Amino acid sequence: MGAALMTGIVMSTTEAHANNFSSIASNITKSVSSVPGMLTGLSYMFGILIGVLGILKIKDHVENPNQTPLKDGAIRLAAGGGLFALPIVYEAMLETVGNNGAGVQAALLNTVDFNVG
């Protein structure tokens, strides 16, 4: 039964000989375009999770200061805040530099030539 299913799947797939470099590159570009959205969602989710774990560690420190140092909770809060702020920083970086390098080109045009001679 499994062999018949596998044979049916193999026979029904389209052949890959029609692909060329440009179609492969466009497929990669389409696939990569959704990565920033996925990273944003994961960053927010893990930032909140680590922040909550940091609050719980601080609660553990308050209940038993000899057992749990305060730095454990503070480190988790800082890491969670960094992850939560990552998409905002990425967006600011992207707006500053730009997708097509317009920010870099403007910076190069505004440089002063100190070479005398």
PDB file of N, CA and C in Angstrom:
ATOM      1  N   MET A   1       0.825  -1.182   0.000  1.00  0.00           N
ATOM      2  CA  MET A   1       0.000   0.000   0.000  1.00  0.00           C
ATOM      3  C   MET A   1       0.879   1.259   0.000  1.00  0.00           C
ATOM      4  N   GLY A   2       1.919   1.270   0.859  1.00  0.00           N
ATOM      5  CA  GLY A   2       2.821   2.418   0.918  1.00  0.00           C
ATOM      6  C   GLY A   2       3.605   2.593  -0.370  1.00  0.00           C
ATOM      7  N   ALA A   3       4.016   1.468  -0.972  1.00  0.00           N
ATOM      8  CA  ALA A   3       4.770   1.549  -2.226  1.00  0.00           C
ATOM      9  C   ALA A   3       3.895   2.090  -3.346  1.00  0.00           C
ATOM     10  N   ALA A   4       2.629   1.679  -3.371  1.00  0.00           N
ATOM     11  CA  ALA A   4       1.710   2.174  -4.396  1.00  0.00           C
ATOM     12  C   ALA A   4       1.460   3.672  -4.216  1.00  0.00           C
ATOM     13  N   LEU A   5       1.334   4.120  -2.979  1.00  0.00           N
ATOM     14  CA  LEU A   5       1.142   5.541  -2.705  1.00  0.00           C
ATOM     15  C   LEU A   5       2.367   6.336  -3.130  1.00  0.00           C
ATOM     16  N   MET A   6       3.543   5.844  -2.800  1.00  0.00           N
ATOM     17  CA  MET A   6       4.771   6.536  -3.173  1.00  0.00           C
ATOM     18  C   MET A   6       4.945   6.596  -4.683  1.00  0.00           C
ATOM     19  N   THR A   7       4.608   5.516  -5.376  1.00  0.00           N
ATOM     20  CA  THR A   7       4.696   5.501  -6.836  1.00  0.00           C
ATOM     21  C   THR A   7       3.732   6.509  -7.445  1.00  0.00           C
ATOM     22  N   GLY A   8       2.541   6.603  -6.895  1.00  0.00           N
ATOM     23  CA  GLY A   8       1.562   7.588  -7.375  1.00  0.00           C
ATOM     24  C   GLY A   8       2.029   9.009  -7.164  1.00  0.00           C
ATOM     25  N   ILE A   9       2.660   9.269  -6.034  1.00  0.00           N
ATOM     26  CA  ILE A   9       3.162  10.619  -5.762  1.00  0.00           C
ATOM     27  C   ILE A   9       4.300  10.967  -6.710  1.00  0.00           C
ATOM     28  N   VAL A  10       5.208  10.025  -6.927  1.00  0.00           N
ATOM     29  CA  VAL A  10       6.348  10.275  -7.805  1.00  0.00           C
ATOM     30  C   VAL A  10       5.891  10.485  -9.242  1.00  0.00           C
ATOM     31  N   MET A  11       4.921   9.708  -9.686  1.00  0.00           N
ATOM     32  CA  MET A  11       4.446   9.827 -11.061  1.00  0.00           C
ATOM     33  C   MET A  11       3.643  11.099 -11.292  1.00  0.00           C
ATOM     34  N   SER A  12       3.027  11.639 -10.264  1.00  0.00           N
ATOM     35  CA  SER A  12       2.175  12.809 -10.460  1.00  0.00           C
ATOM     36  C   SER A  12       2.937  14.122 -10.331  1.00  0.00           C
ATOM     37  N   THR A  13       4.170  14.111  -9.873  1.00  0.00           N
ATOM     38  CA  THR A  13       4.921  15.353  -9.721  1.00  0.00           C
ATOM     39  C   THR A  13       5.402  15.835 -11.082  1.00  0.00           C
ATOM     40  N   THR A  14       5.566  17.142 -11.168  1.00  0.00           N
ATOM     41  CA  THR A  14       6.059  17.716 -12.421  1.00  0.00           C
ATOM     42  C   THR A  14       7.568  17.557 -12.491  1.00  0.00           C
ATOM     43  N   GLU A  15       8.069  17.550 -13.689  1.00  0.00           N
ATOM     44  CA  GLU A  15       9.508  17.382 -13.861  1.00  0.00           C
ATOM     45  C   GLU A  15      10.222  18.692 -13.601  1.00  0.00           C
ATOM     46  N   ALA A  16      11.422  18.617 -13.081  1.00  0.00           N
ATOM     47  CA  ALA A  16      12.171  19.803 -12.688  1.00  0.00           C
ATOM     48  C   ALA A  16      13.116  20.298 -13.773  1.00  0.00           C
ATOM     49  N   HIS A  17      13.105  19.676 -14.935  1.00  0.00           N
ATOM     50  CA  HIS A  17      14.071  20.084 -15.956  1.00  0.00           C
ATOM     51  C   HIS A  17      13.747  21.445 -16.553  1.00  0.00           C
ATOM     52  N   ALA A  18      12.531  21.980 -16.321  1.00  0.00           N
ATOM     53  CA  ALA A  18      12.159  23.280 -16.867  1.00  0.00           C
ATOM     54  C   ALA A  18      12.690  24.430 -16.021  1.00  0.00           C
ATOM     55  N   ASN A  19      13.220  24.158 -14.853  1.00  0.00           N
ATOM     56  CA  ASN A  19      13.740  25.220 -13.989  1.00  0.00           C
ATOM     57  C   ASN A  19      15.075  25.720 -14.508  1.00  0.00           C
ATOM     58  N   ASN A  20      15.254  27.006 -14.444  1.00  0.00           N
ATOM     59  CA  ASN A  20      16.540  27.603 -14.766  1.00  0.00           C
ATOM     60  C   ASN A  20      16.966  28.461 -13.584  1.00  0.00           C
ATOM     61  N   PHE A  21      18.101  29.096 -13.707  1.00  0.00           N
ATOM     62  CA  PHE A  21      18.631  29.844 -12.570  1.00  0.00           C
ATOM     63  C   PHE A  21      17.723  30.994 -12.172  1.00  0.00           C
ATOM     64  N   SER A  22      17.128  31.663 -13.126  1.00  0.00           N
ATOM     65  CA  SER A  22      16.287  32.817 -12.800  1.00  0.00           C
ATOM     66  C   SER A  22      15.015  32.397 -12.080  1.00  0.00           C
ATOM     67  N   SER A  23      14.417  31.275 -12.450  1.00  0.00           N
ATOM     68  CA  SER A  23      13.217  30.832 -11.736  1.00  0.00           C
ATOM     69  C   SER A  23      13.563  30.350 -10.330  1.00  0.00           C
ATOM     70  N   ILE A  24      14.717  29.715 -10.175  1.00  0.00           N
ATOM     71  CA  ILE A  24      15.161  29.284  -8.844  1.00  0.00           C
ATOM     72  C   ILE A  24      15.431  30.505  -7.965  1.00  0.00           C
ATOM     73  N   ALA A  25      16.090  31.518  -8.529  1.00  0.00           N
ATOM     74  CA  ALA A  25      16.385  32.731  -7.765  1.00  0.00           C
ATOM     75  C   ALA A  25      15.100  33.459  -7.369  1.00  0.00           C
ATOM     76  N   SER A  26      14.117  33.512  -8.255  1.00  0.00           N
ATOM     77  CA  SER A  26      12.863  34.182  -7.901  1.00  0.00           C
ATOM     78  C   SER A  26      12.108  33.402  -6.833  1.00  0.00           C
ATOM     79  N   ASN A  27      12.168  32.070  -6.866  1.00  0.00           N
ATOM     80  CA  ASN A  27      11.538  31.271  -5.809  1.00  0.00           C
ATOM     81  C   ASN A  27      12.218  31.497  -4.465  1.00  0.00           C
ATOM     82  N   ILE A  28      13.537  31.603  -4.467  1.00  0.00           N
ATOM     83  CA  ILE A  28      14.259  31.870  -3.222  1.00  0.00           C
ATOM     84  C   ILE A  28      13.888  33.250  -2.694  1.00  0.00           C
ATOM     85  N   THR A  29      13.795  34.242  -3.568  1.00  0.00           N
ATOM     86  CA  THR A  29      13.432  35.596  -3.154  1.00  0.00           C
ATOM     87  C   THR A  29      12.036  35.628  -2.557  1.00  0.00           C
ATOM     88  N   LYS A  30      11.096  34.910  -3.171  1.00  0.00           N
ATOM     89  CA  LYS A  30       9.734  34.859  -2.630  1.00  0.00           C
ATOM     90  C   LYS A  30       9.713  34.177  -1.271  1.00  0.00           C
ATOM     91  N   SER A  31      10.505  33.133  -1.104  1.00  0.00           N
ATOM     92  CA  SER A  31      10.531  32.409   0.161  1.00  0.00           C
ATOM     93  C   SER A  31      11.171  33.227   1.270  1.00  0.00           C
ATOM     94  N   VAL A  32      12.223  33.954   0.959  1.00  0.00           N
ATOM     95  CA  VAL A  32      12.942  34.727   1.960  1.00  0.00           C
ATOM     96  C   VAL A  32      12.165  35.978   2.363  1.00  0.00           C
ATOM     97  N   SER A  33      11.260  36.448   1.539  1.00  0.00           N
ATOM     98  CA  SER A  33      10.533  37.675   1.853  1.00  0.00           C
ATOM     99  C   SER A  33       9.637  37.530   3.074  1.00  0.00           C
ATOM    100  N   SER A  34       9.266  36.307   3.459  1.00  0.00           N
ATOM    101  CA  SER A  34       8.421  36.129   4.636  1.00  0.00           C
ATOM    102  C   SER A  34       9.226  35.911   5.913  1.00  0.00           C
ATOM    103  N   VAL A  35      10.530  35.837   5.831  1.00  0.00           N
ATOM    104  CA  VAL A  35      11.366  35.588   7.008  1.00  0.00           C
ATOM    105  C   VAL A  35      11.296  36.728   8.028  1.00  0.00           C
ATOM    106  N   PRO A  36      11.349  38.023   7.645  1.00  0.00           N
ATOM    107  CA  PRO A  36      11.278  39.075   8.666  1.00  0.00           C
ATOM    108  C   PRO A  36       9.986  39.031   9.489  1.00  0.00           C
ATOM    109  N   GLY A  37       8.874  38.708   8.875  1.00  0.00           N
ATOM    110  CA  GLY A  37       7.626  38.598   9.626  1.00  0.00           C
ATOM    111  C   GLY A  37       7.665  37.464  10.626  1.00  0.00           C
ATOM    112  N   MET A  38       8.247  36.351  10.227  1.00  0.00           N
ATOM    113  CA  MET A  38       8.357  35.216  11.130  1.00  0.00           C
ATOM    114  C   MET A  38       9.306  35.544  12.286  1.00  0.00           C
ATOM    115  N   LEU A  39      10.427  36.201  11.988  1.00  0.00           N
ATOM    116  CA  LEU A  39      11.365  36.573  13.045  1.00  0.00           C
ATOM    117  C   LEU A  39      10.752  37.588  14.003  1.00  0.00           C
ATOM    118  N   THR A  40       9.916  38.488  13.493  1.00  0.00           N
ATOM    119  CA  THR A  40       9.240  39.450  14.354  1.00  0.00           C
ATOM    120  C   THR A  40       8.323  38.743  15.337  1.00  0.00           C
ATOM    121  N   GLY A  41       7.521  37.814  14.835  1.00  0.00           N
ATOM    122  CA  GLY A  41       6.622  37.069  15.709  1.00  0.00           C
ATOM    123  C   GLY A  41       7.369  36.258  16.746  1.00  0.00           C
ATOM    124  N   LEU A  42       8.429  35.569  16.321  1.00  0.00           N
ATOM    125  CA  LEU A  42       9.222  34.780  17.266  1.00  0.00           C
ATOM    126  C   LEU A  42       9.922  35.668  18.293  1.00  0.00           C
ATOM    127  N   SER A  43      10.394  36.823  17.853  1.00  0.00           N
ATOM    128  CA  SER A  43      11.079  37.732  18.760  1.00  0.00           C
ATOM    129  C   SER A  43      10.127  38.254  19.831  1.00  0.00           C
ATOM    130  N   TYR A  44       8.930  38.661  19.432  1.00  0.00           N
ATOM    131  CA  TYR A  44       7.941  39.122  20.411  1.00  0.00           C
ATOM    132  C   TYR A  44       7.558  37.997  21.369  1.00  0.00           C
ATOM    133  N   MET A  45       7.330  36.806  20.833  1.00  0.00           N
ATOM    134  CA  MET A  45       6.898  35.694  21.663  1.00  0.00           C
ATOM    135  C   MET A  45       7.981  35.325  22.695  1.00  0.00           C
ATOM    136  N   PHE A  46       9.218  35.158  22.246  1.00  0.00           N
ATOM    137  CA  PHE A  46      10.281  34.781  23.169  1.00  0.00           C
ATOM    138  C   PHE A  46      10.655  35.935  24.099  1.00  0.00           C
ATOM    139  N   GLY A  47      10.512  37.185  23.640  1.00  0.00           N
ATOM    140  CA  GLY A  47      10.773  38.331  24.513  1.00  0.00           C
ATOM    141  C   GLY A  47       9.813  38.368  25.684  1.00  0.00           C
ATOM    142  N   ILE A  48       8.529  38.135  25.403  1.00  0.00           N
ATOM    143  CA  ILE A  48       7.541  38.101  26.482  1.00  0.00           C
ATOM    144  C   ILE A  48       7.797  36.913  27.396  1.00  0.00           C
ATOM    145  N   LEU A  49       8.098  35.757  26.826  1.00  0.00           N
ATOM    146  CA  LEU A  49       8.350  34.559  27.625  1.00  0.00           C
ATOM    147  C   LEU A  49       9.543  34.753  28.563  1.00  0.00           C
ATOM    148  N   ILE A  50      10.643  35.254  28.045  1.00  0.00           N
ATOM    149  CA  ILE A  50      11.833  35.449  28.876  1.00  0.00           C
ATOM    150  C   ILE A  50      11.593  36.556  29.902  1.00  0.00           C
ATOM    151  N   GLY A  51      10.823  37.592  29.532  1.00  0.00           N
ATOM    152  CA  GLY A  51      10.485  38.637  30.496  1.00  0.00           C
ATOM    153  C   GLY A  51       9.668  38.102  31.665  1.00  0.00           C
ATOM    154  N   VAL A  52       8.691  37.240  31.376  1.00  0.00           N
ATOM    155  CA  VAL A  52       7.889  36.628  32.442  1.00  0.00           C
ATOM    156  C   VAL A  52       8.756  35.734  33.311  1.00  0.00           C
ATOM    157  N   LEU A  53       9.660  34.976  32.695  1.00  0.00           N
ATOM    158  CA  LEU A  53      10.573  34.142  33.483  1.00  0.00           C
ATOM    159  C   LEU A  53      11.480  35.002  34.365  1.00  0.00           C
ATOM    160  N   GLY A  54      11.858  36.176  33.873  1.00  0.00           N
ATOM    161  CA  GLY A  54      12.657  37.090  34.690  1.00  0.00           C
ATOM    162  C   GLY A  54      11.878  37.601  35.891  1.00  0.00           C
ATOM    163  N   ILE A  55      10.610  37.921  35.686  1.00  0.00           N
ATOM    164  CA  ILE A  55       9.769  38.360  36.804  1.00  0.00           C
ATOM    165  C   ILE A  55       9.625  37.240  37.826  1.00  0.00           C
ATOM    166  N   LEU A  56       9.460  36.015  37.363  1.00  0.00           N
ATOM    167  CA  LEU A  56       9.357  34.889  38.293  1.00  0.00           C
ATOM    168  C   LEU A  56      10.658  34.675  39.067  1.00  0.00           C
ATOM    169  N   LYS A  57      11.802  34.876  38.420  1.00  0.00           N
ATOM    170  CA  LYS A  57      13.083  34.752  39.117  1.00  0.00           C
ATOM    171  C   LYS A  57      13.234  35.852  40.175  1.00  0.00           C
ATOM    172  N   ILE A  58      12.773  37.065  39.865  1.00  0.00           N
ATOM    173  CA  ILE A  58      12.826  38.135  40.860  1.00  0.00           C
ATOM    174  C   ILE A  58      11.907  37.802  42.032  1.00  0.00           C
ATOM    175  N   LYS A  59      10.749  37.215  41.737  1.00  0.00           N
ATOM    176  CA  LYS A  59       9.843  36.771  42.802  1.00  0.00           C
ATOM    177  C   LYS A  59      10.522  35.709  43.668  1.00  0.00           C
ATOM    178  N   ASP A  60      11.238  34.782  43.040  1.00  0.00           N
ATOM    179  CA  ASP A  60      11.981  33.772  43.796  1.00  0.00           C
ATOM    180  C   ASP A  60      13.053  34.414  44.666  1.00  0.00           C
ATOM    181  N   HIS A  61      13.688  35.470  44.164  1.00  0.00           N
ATOM    182  CA  HIS A  61      14.708  36.167  44.942  1.00  0.00           C
ATOM    183  C   HIS A  61      14.087  36.846  46.156  1.00  0.00           C
ATOM    184  N   VAL A  62      12.906  37.436  45.970  1.00  0.00           N
ATOM    185  CA  VAL A  62      12.241  38.103  47.092  1.00  0.00           C
ATOM    186  C   VAL A  62      11.854  37.089  48.165  1.00  0.00           C
ATOM    187  N   GLU A  63      11.402  35.921  47.744  1.00  0.00           N
ATOM    188  CA  GLU A  63      10.982  34.898  48.703  1.00  0.00           C
ATOM    189  C   GLU A  63      12.175  34.238  49.397  1.00  0.00           C
ATOM    190  N   ASN A  64      13.280  34.058  48.702  1.00  0.00           N
ATOM    191  CA  ASN A  64      14.440  33.394  49.274  1.00  0.00           C
ATOM    192  C   ASN A  64      15.710  34.008  48.680  1.00  0.00           C
ATOM    193  N   PRO A  65      16.188  35.134  49.252  1.00  0.00           N
ATOM    194  CA  PRO A  65      17.342  35.830  48.665  1.00  0.00           C
ATOM    195  C   PRO A  65      18.641  35.035  48.707  1.00  0.00           C
ATOM    196  N   ASN A  66      18.777  34.130  49.655  1.00  0.00           N
ATOM    197  CA  ASN A  66      20.017  33.360  49.740  1.00  0.00           C
ATOM    198  C   ASN A  66      20.116  32.309  48.641  1.00  0.00           C
ATOM    199  N   GLN A  67      18.980  31.819  48.176  1.00  0.00           N
ATOM    200  CA  GLN A  67      18.952  30.740  47.179  1.00  0.00           C
ATOM    201  C   GLN A  67      19.065  31.282  45.744  1.00  0.00           C
ATOM    202  N   THR A  68      18.351  32.370  45.448  1.00  0.00           N
ATOM    203  CA  THR A  68      18.291  32.888  44.074  1.00  0.00           C
ATOM    204  C   THR A  68      18.872  34.292  44.027  1.00  0.00           C
ATOM    205  N   PRO A  69      19.970  34.521  43.312  1.00  0.00           N
ATOM    206  CA  PRO A  69      20.522  35.877  43.212  1.00  0.00           C
ATOM    207  C   PRO A  69      19.647  36.773  42.336  1.00  0.00           C
ATOM    208  N   LEU A  70      19.691  38.062  42.608  1.00  0.00           N
ATOM    209  CA  LEU A  70      18.886  39.030  41.871  1.00  0.00           C
ATOM    210  C   LEU A  70      19.331  39.146  40.420  1.00  0.00           C
ATOM    211  N   LYS A  71      20.604  38.890  40.159  1.00  0.00           N
ATOM    212  CA  LYS A  71      21.124  39.042  38.795  1.00  0.00           C
ATOM    213  C   LYS A  71      20.460  38.079  37.814  1.00  0.00           C
ATOM    214  N   ASP A  72      20.008  36.901  38.275  1.00  0.00           N
ATOM    215  CA  ASP A  72      19.348  35.949  37.370  1.00  0.00           C
ATOM    216  C   ASP A  72      18.080  36.552  36.774  1.00  0.00           C
ATOM    217  N   GLY A  73      17.267  37.174  37.616  1.00  0.00           N
ATOM    218  CA  GLY A  73      16.050  37.810  37.124  1.00  0.00           C
ATOM    219  C   GLY A  73      16.337  39.027  36.269  1.00  0.00           C
ATOM    220  N   ALA A  74      17.339  39.811  36.663  1.00  0.00           N
ATOM    221  CA  ALA A  74      17.676  41.018  35.905  1.00  0.00           C
ATOM    222  C   ALA A  74      18.198  40.672  34.517  1.00  0.00           C
ATOM    223  N   ILE A  75      18.994  39.626  34.426  1.00  0.00           N
ATOM    224  CA  ILE A  75      19.519  39.205  33.119  1.00  0.00           C
ATOM    225  C   ILE A  75      18.376  38.750  32.216  1.00  0.00           C
ATOM    226  N   ARG A  76      17.439  38.004  32.760  1.00  0.00           N
ATOM    227  CA  ARG A  76      16.304  37.538  31.956  1.00  0.00           C
ATOM    228  C   ARG A  76      15.429  38.708  31.517  1.00  0.00           C
ATOM    229  N   LEU A  77      15.215  39.675  32.406  1.00  0.00           N
ATOM    230  CA  LEU A  77      14.431  40.854  32.014  1.00  0.00           C
ATOM    231  C   LEU A  77      15.121  41.644  30.908  1.00  0.00           C
ATOM    232  N   ALA A  78      16.437  41.809  31.013  1.00  0.00           N
ATOM    233  CA  ALA A  78      17.178  42.547  29.977  1.00  0.00           C
ATOM    234  C   ALA A  78      17.143  41.803  28.645  1.00  0.00           C
ATOM    235  N   ALA A  79      17.313  40.484  28.677  1.00  0.00           N
ATOM    236  CA  ALA A  79      17.271  39.703  27.434  1.00  0.00           C
ATOM    237  C   ALA A  79      15.880  39.731  26.816  1.00  0.00           C
ATOM    238  N   GLY A  80      14.850  39.632  27.644  1.00  0.00           N
ATOM    239  CA  GLY A  80      13.481  39.702  27.124  1.00  0.00           C
ATOM    240  C   GLY A  80      13.176  41.061  26.525  1.00  0.00           C
ATOM    241  N   GLY A  81      13.645  42.121  27.180  1.00  0.00           N
ATOM    242  CA  GLY A  81      13.455  43.464  26.623  1.00  0.00           C
ATOM    243  C   GLY A  81      14.191  43.651  25.312  1.00  0.00           C
ATOM    244  N   GLY A  82      15.386  43.085  25.224  1.00  0.00           N
ATOM    245  CA  GLY A  82      16.142  43.164  23.970  1.00  0.00           C
ATOM    246  C   GLY A  82      15.453  42.430  22.839  1.00  0.00           C
ATOM    247  N   LEU A  83      14.931  41.246  23.132  1.00  0.00           N
ATOM    248  CA  LEU A  83      14.206  40.498  22.100  1.00  0.00           C
ATOM    249  C   LEU A  83      12.919  41.206  21.706  1.00  0.00           C
ATOM    250  N   PHE A  84      12.241  41.802  22.692  1.00  0.00           N
ATOM    251  CA  PHE A  84      10.993  42.500  22.400  1.00  0.00           C
ATOM    252  C   PHE A  84      11.238  43.755  21.563  1.00  0.00           C
ATOM    253  N   ALA A  85      12.400  44.388  21.734  1.00  0.00           N
ATOM    254  CA  ALA A  85      12.728  45.601  20.979  1.00  0.00           C
ATOM    255  C   ALA A  85      13.390  45.315  19.639  1.00  0.00           C
ATOM    256  N   LEU A  86      13.795  44.075  19.392  1.00  0.00           N
ATOM    257  CA  LEU A  86      14.521  43.737  18.171  1.00  0.00           C
ATOM    258  C   LEU A  86      13.781  44.116  16.881  1.00  0.00           C
ATOM    259  N   PRO A  87      12.487  43.826  16.728  1.00  0.00           N
ATOM    260  CA  PRO A  87      11.811  44.221  15.484  1.00  0.00           C
ATOM    261  C   PRO A  87      11.768  45.730  15.272  1.00  0.00           C
ATOM    262  N   ILE A  88      11.648  46.499  16.353  1.00  0.00           N
ATOM    263  CA  ILE A  88      11.623  47.953  16.227  1.00  0.00           C
ATOM    264  C   ILE A  88      12.982  48.462  15.774  1.00  0.00           C
ATOM    265  N   VAL A  89      14.040  47.913  16.336  1.00  0.00           N
ATOM    266  CA  VAL A  89      15.394  48.309  15.944  1.00  0.00           C
ATOM    267  C   VAL A  89      15.668  47.910  14.495  1.00  0.00           C
ATOM    268  N   TYR A  90      15.203  46.719  14.104  1.00  0.00           N
ATOM    269  CA  TYR A  90      15.388  46.265  12.726  1.00  0.00           C
ATOM    270  C   TYR A  90      14.658  47.190  11.750  1.00  0.00           C
ATOM    271  N   GLU A  91      13.442  47.586  12.099  1.00  0.00           N
ATOM    272  CA  GLU A  91      12.679  48.487  11.225  1.00  0.00           C
ATOM    273  C   GLU A  91      13.363  49.845  11.115  1.00  0.00           C
ATOM    274  N   ALA A  92      13.886  50.360  12.225  1.00  0.00           N
ATOM    275  CA  ALA A  92      14.603  51.637  12.182  1.00  0.00           C
ATOM    276  C   ALA A  92      15.858  51.530  11.325  1.00  0.00           C
ATOM    277  N   MET A  93      16.559  50.404  11.443  1.00  0.00           N
ATOM    278  CA  MET A  93      17.752  50.190  10.631  1.00  0.00           C
ATOM    279  C   MET A  93      17.393  50.122   9.148  1.00  0.00           C
ATOM    280  N   LEU A  94      16.303  49.425   8.845  1.00  0.00           N
ATOM    281  CA  LEU A  94      15.888  49.283   7.456  1.00  0.00           C
ATOM    282  C   LEU A  94      15.444  50.619   6.866  1.00  0.00           C
ATOM    283  N   GLU A  95      14.770  51.446   7.667  1.00  0.00           N
ATOM    284  CA  GLU A  95      14.356  52.762   7.184  1.00  0.00           C
ATOM    285  C   GLU A  95      15.549  53.696   6.999  1.00  0.00           C
ATOM    286  N   THR A  96      16.571  53.534   7.829  1.00  0.00           N
ATOM    287  CA  THR A  96      17.747  54.388   7.718  1.00  0.00           C
ATOM    288  C   THR A  96      18.581  54.023   6.506  1.00  0.00           C
ATOM    289  N   VAL A  97      18.868  52.742   6.347  1.00  0.00           N
ATOM    290  CA  VAL A  97      19.711  52.295   5.248  1.00  0.00           C
ATOM    291  C   VAL A  97      18.882  52.101   3.991  1.00  0.00           C
ATOM    292  N   GLY A  98      17.718  51.505   4.115  1.00  0.00           N
ATOM    293  CA  GLY A  98      16.849  51.280   2.975  1.00  0.00           C
ATOM    294  C   GLY A  98      17.087  49.936   2.330  1.00  0.00           C
ATOM    295  N   ASN A  99      16.108  49.489   1.561  1.00  0.00           N
ATOM    296  CA  ASN A  99      16.206  48.202   0.877  1.00  0.00           C
ATOM    297  C   ASN A  99      17.185  48.240  -0.280  1.00  0.00           C
ATOM    298  N   ASN A 100      17.249  49.364  -0.956  1.00  0.00           N
ATOM    299  CA  ASN A 100      18.066  49.434  -2.159  1.00  0.00           C
ATOM    300  C   ASN A 100      19.388  50.153  -1.940  1.00  0.00           C
ATOM    301  N   GLY A 101      19.733  50.428  -0.690  1.00  0.00           N
ATOM    302  CA  GLY A 101      20.999  51.091  -0.411  1.00  0.00           C
ATOM    303  C   GLY A 101      20.984  52.577  -0.658  1.00  0.00           C
ATOM    304  N   ALA A 102      19.791  53.208  -0.702  1.00  0.00           N
ATOM    305  CA  ALA A 102      19.704  54.642  -0.954  1.00  0.00           C
ATOM    306  C   ALA A 102      20.365  55.439   0.160  1.00  0.00           C
ATOM    307  N   GLY A 103      20.257  54.960   1.394  1.00  0.00           N
ATOM    308  CA  GLY A 103      20.900  55.646   2.510  1.00  0.00           C
ATOM    309  C   GLY A 103      22.412  55.617   2.385  1.00  0.00           C
ATOM    310  N   VAL A 104      22.946  54.510   1.929  1.00  0.00           N
ATOM    311  CA  VAL A 104      24.395  54.396   1.742  1.00  0.00           C
ATOM    312  C   VAL A 104      24.850  55.304   0.607  1.00  0.00           C
ATOM    313  N   GLN A 105      24.083  55.351  -0.474  1.00  0.00           N
ATOM    314  CA  GLN A 105      24.442  56.217  -1.596  1.00  0.00           C
ATOM    315  C   GLN A 105      24.416  57.683  -1.184  1.00  0.00           C
ATOM    316  N   ALA A 106      23.409  58.077  -0.385  1.00  0.00           N
ATOM    317  CA  ALA A 106      23.344  59.457   0.081  1.00  0.00           C
ATOM    318  C   ALA A 106      24.518  59.788   0.984  1.00  0.00           C
ATOM    319  N   ALA A 107      24.911  58.838   1.827  1.00  0.00           N
ATOM    320  CA  ALA A 107      26.059  59.067   2.705  1.00  0.00           C
ATOM    321  C   ALA A 107      27.342  59.204   1.888  1.00  0.00           C
ATOM    322  N   LEU A 108      27.468  58.421   0.826  1.00  0.00           N
ATOM    323  CA  LEU A 108      28.663  58.512  -0.008  1.00  0.00           C
ATOM    324  C   LEU A 108      28.710  59.828  -0.770  1.00  0.00           C
ATOM    325  N   LEU A 109      27.559  60.346  -1.196  1.00  0.00           N
ATOM    326  CA  LEU A 109      27.526  61.603  -1.927  1.00  0.00           C
ATOM    327  C   LEU A 109      27.832  62.788  -1.018  1.00  0.00           C
ATOM    328  N   ASN A 110      27.568  62.663   0.274  1.00  0.00           N
ATOM    329  CA  ASN A 110      27.775  63.763   1.205  1.00  0.00           C
ATOM    330  C   ASN A 110      29.143  63.730   1.879  1.00  0.00           C
ATOM    331  N   THR A 111      29.993  62.814   1.514  1.00  0.00           N
ATOM    332  CA  THR A 111      31.322  62.747   2.136  1.00  0.00           C
ATOM    333  C   THR A 111      32.200  63.863   1.579  1.00  0.00           C
ATOM    334  N   VAL A 112      33.121  64.274   2.405  1.00  0.00           N
ATOM    335  CA  VAL A 112      34.041  65.346   2.008  1.00  0.00           C
ATOM    336  C   VAL A 112      35.362  64.706   1.583  1.00  0.00           C
ATOM    337  N   ASP A 113      35.900  65.150   0.487  1.00  0.00           N
ATOM    338  CA  ASP A 113      37.167  64.616  -0.003  1.00  0.00           C
ATOM    339  C   ASP A 113      38.316  65.432   0.623  1.00  0.00           C
ATOM    340  N   PHE A 114      39.078  64.786   1.479  1.00  0.00           N
ATOM    341  CA  PHE A 114      40.176  65.448   2.158  1.00  0.00           C
ATOM    342  C   PHE A 114      41.501  65.307   1.417  1.00  0.00           C
ATOM    343  N   ASN A 115      41.496  64.629   0.291  1.00  0.00           N
ATOM    344  CA  ASN A 115      42.731  64.470  -0.497  1.00  0.00           C
ATOM    345  C   ASN A 115      43.024  65.744  -1.239  1.00  0.00           C
ATOM    346  N   VAL A 116      44.115  66.357  -0.918  1.00  0.00           N
ATOM    347  CA  VAL A 116      44.505  67.589  -1.595  1.00  0.00           C
ATOM    348  C   VAL A 116      45.612  67.240  -2.589  1.00  0.00           C
ATOM    349  N   GLY A 117      45.407  67.608  -3.790  1.00  0.00           N
ATOM    350  CA  GLY A 117      46.494  67.331  -4.673  1.00  0.00           C
ATOM    351  C   GLY A 117      46.061  66.901  -5.958  1.00  0.00           C
TER     352      GLY A 117
END
